[in-house]
Amino acid sequence: MRDKKPITIAAAARTRAVASIRRYFADELDQEIGELKAGLVFDYFVADIGPTMSPGSVGLVRAFYWARWVESRRMLPSPDPNA
């Protein structure tokens, strides 16, 4: 893990991810873990798997959400030109 470039994560994003990991362990594995352990799990995956997902997957995610946004715009009613 030490030979890979570190990935920086915003503090708020890390906090949300740690909370999500804690929920996953509680809901799916019936195991309560604290913030420290969940943070270590998060740090491990970011350091070990993160570099394989970035930057190419960022473009894929962006394209996915752009397509969903375009699709959602089509579902909205057209603005009334007489209003």
C-alpha atoms as a PDB file:
ATOM      1  CA  MET A   1       0.000   0.000   0.000  1.00  0.00           C
ATOM      2  CA  ARG A   2       2.847   2.397   0.657  1.00  0.00           C
ATOM      3  CA  ASP A   3       4.001   2.543  -2.963  1.00  0.00           C
ATOM      4  CA  LYS A   4       0.688   4.016  -4.136  1.00  0.00           C
ATOM      5  CA  LYS A   5      -0.062   7.731  -4.346  1.00  0.00           C
ATOM      6  CA  PRO A   6      -2.315   8.750  -1.428  1.00  0.00           C
ATOM      7  CA  ILE A   7      -5.875   9.726  -2.222  1.00  0.00           C
ATOM      8  CA  THR A   8      -7.268  12.725  -0.384  1.00  0.00           C
ATOM      9  CA  ILE A   9     -10.858  12.594   0.785  1.00  0.00           C
ATOM     10  CA  ALA A  10     -12.816  15.572   2.111  1.00  0.00           C
ATOM     11  CA  ALA A  11     -13.514  15.320   5.831  1.00  0.00           C
ATOM     12  CA  ALA A  12     -17.297  15.398   5.330  1.00  0.00           C
ATOM     13  CA  ALA A  13     -17.118  12.635   2.711  1.00  0.00           C
ATOM     14  CA  ARG A  14     -14.959  10.522   5.014  1.00  0.00           C
ATOM     15  CA  THR A  15     -17.418  11.035   7.876  1.00  0.00           C
ATOM     16  CA  ARG A  16     -20.319   9.887   5.669  1.00  0.00           C
ATOM     17  CA  ALA A  17     -18.344   6.880   4.447  1.00  0.00           C
ATOM     18  CA  VAL A  18     -17.405   5.819   7.978  1.00  0.00           C
ATOM     19  CA  ALA A  19     -21.059   6.086   9.050  1.00  0.00           C
ATOM     20  CA  SER A  20     -22.047   3.999   6.023  1.00  0.00           C
ATOM     21  CA  ILE A  21     -19.483   1.318   6.892  1.00  0.00           C
ATOM     22  CA  ARG A  22     -20.780   1.200  10.449  1.00  0.00           C
ATOM     23  CA  ARG A  23     -24.353   0.755   9.152  1.00  0.00           C
ATOM     24  CA  TYR A  24     -23.223  -1.977   6.777  1.00  0.00           C
ATOM     25  CA  PHE A  25     -21.523  -3.921   9.555  1.00  0.00           C
ATOM     26  CA  ALA A  26     -24.575  -3.523  11.814  1.00  0.00           C
ATOM     27  CA  ASP A  27     -27.220  -4.313   9.194  1.00  0.00           C
ATOM     28  CA  GLU A  28     -25.515  -6.962   7.085  1.00  0.00           C
ATOM     29  CA  LEU A  29     -23.047  -8.589   9.463  1.00  0.00           C
ATOM     30  CA  ASP A  30     -24.867  -8.082  12.788  1.00  0.00           C
ATOM     31  CA  GLN A  31     -21.674  -6.626  14.199  1.00  0.00           C
ATOM     32  CA  GLU A  32     -21.385  -3.231  15.853  1.00  0.00           C
ATOM     33  CA  ILE A  33     -18.083  -1.495  15.182  1.00  0.00           C
ATOM     34  CA  GLY A  34     -16.853   1.860  16.365  1.00  0.00           C
ATOM     35  CA  GLU A  35     -15.717   4.875  14.387  1.00  0.00           C
ATOM     36  CA  LEU A  36     -12.049   3.963  14.714  1.00  0.00           C
ATOM     37  CA  LYS A  37     -12.466   0.484  13.252  1.00  0.00           C
ATOM     38  CA  ALA A  38     -14.795   1.729  10.499  1.00  0.00           C
ATOM     39  CA  GLY A  39     -12.277   4.482   9.714  1.00  0.00           C
ATOM     40  CA  LEU A  40      -9.479   1.938   9.428  1.00  0.00           C
ATOM     41  CA  VAL A  41     -11.605  -0.185   7.068  1.00  0.00           C
ATOM     42  CA  PHE A  42     -12.323   2.894   4.976  1.00  0.00           C
ATOM     43  CA  ASP A  43      -8.658   3.954   4.895  1.00  0.00           C
ATOM     44  CA  TYR A  44      -7.615   0.467   3.841  1.00  0.00           C
ATOM     45  CA  PHE A  45     -10.049   0.306   0.938  1.00  0.00           C
ATOM     46  CA  VAL A  46      -9.279   3.819  -0.223  1.00  0.00           C
ATOM     47  CA  ALA A  47      -5.539   3.132  -0.166  1.00  0.00           C
ATOM     48  CA  ASP A  48      -5.740  -0.379  -1.625  1.00  0.00           C
ATOM     49  CA  ILE A  49      -8.634  -0.217  -4.087  1.00  0.00           C
ATOM     50  CA  GLY A  50      -9.012   3.508  -4.685  1.00  0.00           C
ATOM     51  CA  PRO A  51      -6.103   3.870  -7.119  1.00  0.00           C
ATOM     52  CA  THR A  52      -7.553   1.197  -9.385  1.00  0.00           C
ATOM     53  CA  MET A  53     -10.837   3.089  -9.605  1.00  0.00           C
ATOM     54  CA  SER A  54      -9.431   6.530 -10.226  1.00  0.00           C
ATOM     55  CA  PRO A  55      -9.386   8.512 -12.504  1.00  0.00           C
ATOM     56  CA  GLY A  56     -11.053   6.422 -15.227  1.00  0.00           C
ATOM     57  CA  SER A  57     -14.023   5.454 -13.125  1.00  0.00           C
ATOM     58  CA  VAL A  58     -14.629   9.071 -12.188  1.00  0.00           C
ATOM     59  CA  GLY A  59     -15.492   9.727 -15.824  1.00  0.00           C
ATOM     60  CA  LEU A  60     -17.773   6.685 -15.885  1.00  0.00           C
ATOM     61  CA  VAL A  61     -19.588   7.843 -12.765  1.00  0.00           C
ATOM     62  CA  ARG A  62     -19.919  11.351 -14.172  1.00  0.00           C
ATOM     63  CA  ALA A  63     -21.365   9.966 -17.416  1.00  0.00           C
ATOM     64  CA  PHE A  64     -23.767   7.740 -15.480  1.00  0.00           C
ATOM     65  CA  TYR A  65     -25.111  10.629 -13.397  1.00  0.00           C
ATOM     66  CA  TRP A  66     -25.289  12.922 -16.413  1.00  0.00           C
ATOM     67  CA  ALA A  67     -27.416  10.329 -18.235  1.00  0.00           C
ATOM     68  CA  ARG A  68     -29.699   9.990 -15.186  1.00  0.00           C
ATOM     69  CA  TRP A  69     -30.035  13.780 -15.001  1.00  0.00           C
ATOM     70  CA  VAL A  70     -30.940  14.022 -18.700  1.00  0.00           C
ATOM     71  CA  GLU A  71     -33.435  11.192 -18.251  1.00  0.00           C
ATOM     72  CA  SER A  72     -35.025  12.891 -15.235  1.00  0.00           C
ATOM     73  CA  ARG A  73     -35.357  16.153 -17.181  1.00  0.00           C
ATOM     74  CA  ARG A  74     -37.333  14.306 -19.857  1.00  0.00           C
ATOM     75  CA  MET A  75     -39.756  13.047 -17.214  1.00  0.00           C
ATOM     76  CA  LEU A  76     -40.562  16.536 -15.919  1.00  0.00           C
ATOM     77  CA  PRO A  77     -43.502  18.317 -17.456  1.00  0.00           C
ATOM     78  CA  SER A  78     -42.660  21.031 -19.953  1.00  0.00           C
ATOM     79  CA  PRO A  79     -43.073  24.570 -18.657  1.00  0.00           C
ATOM     80  CA  ASP A  80     -46.349  26.155 -19.694  1.00  0.00           C
ATOM     81  CA  PRO A  81     -45.507  28.882 -22.228  1.00  0.00           C
ATOM     82  CA  ASN A  82     -48.793  30.690 -21.330  1.00  0.00           C
ATOM     83  CA  ALA A  83     -47.992  30.965 -17.633  1.00  0.00           C
END
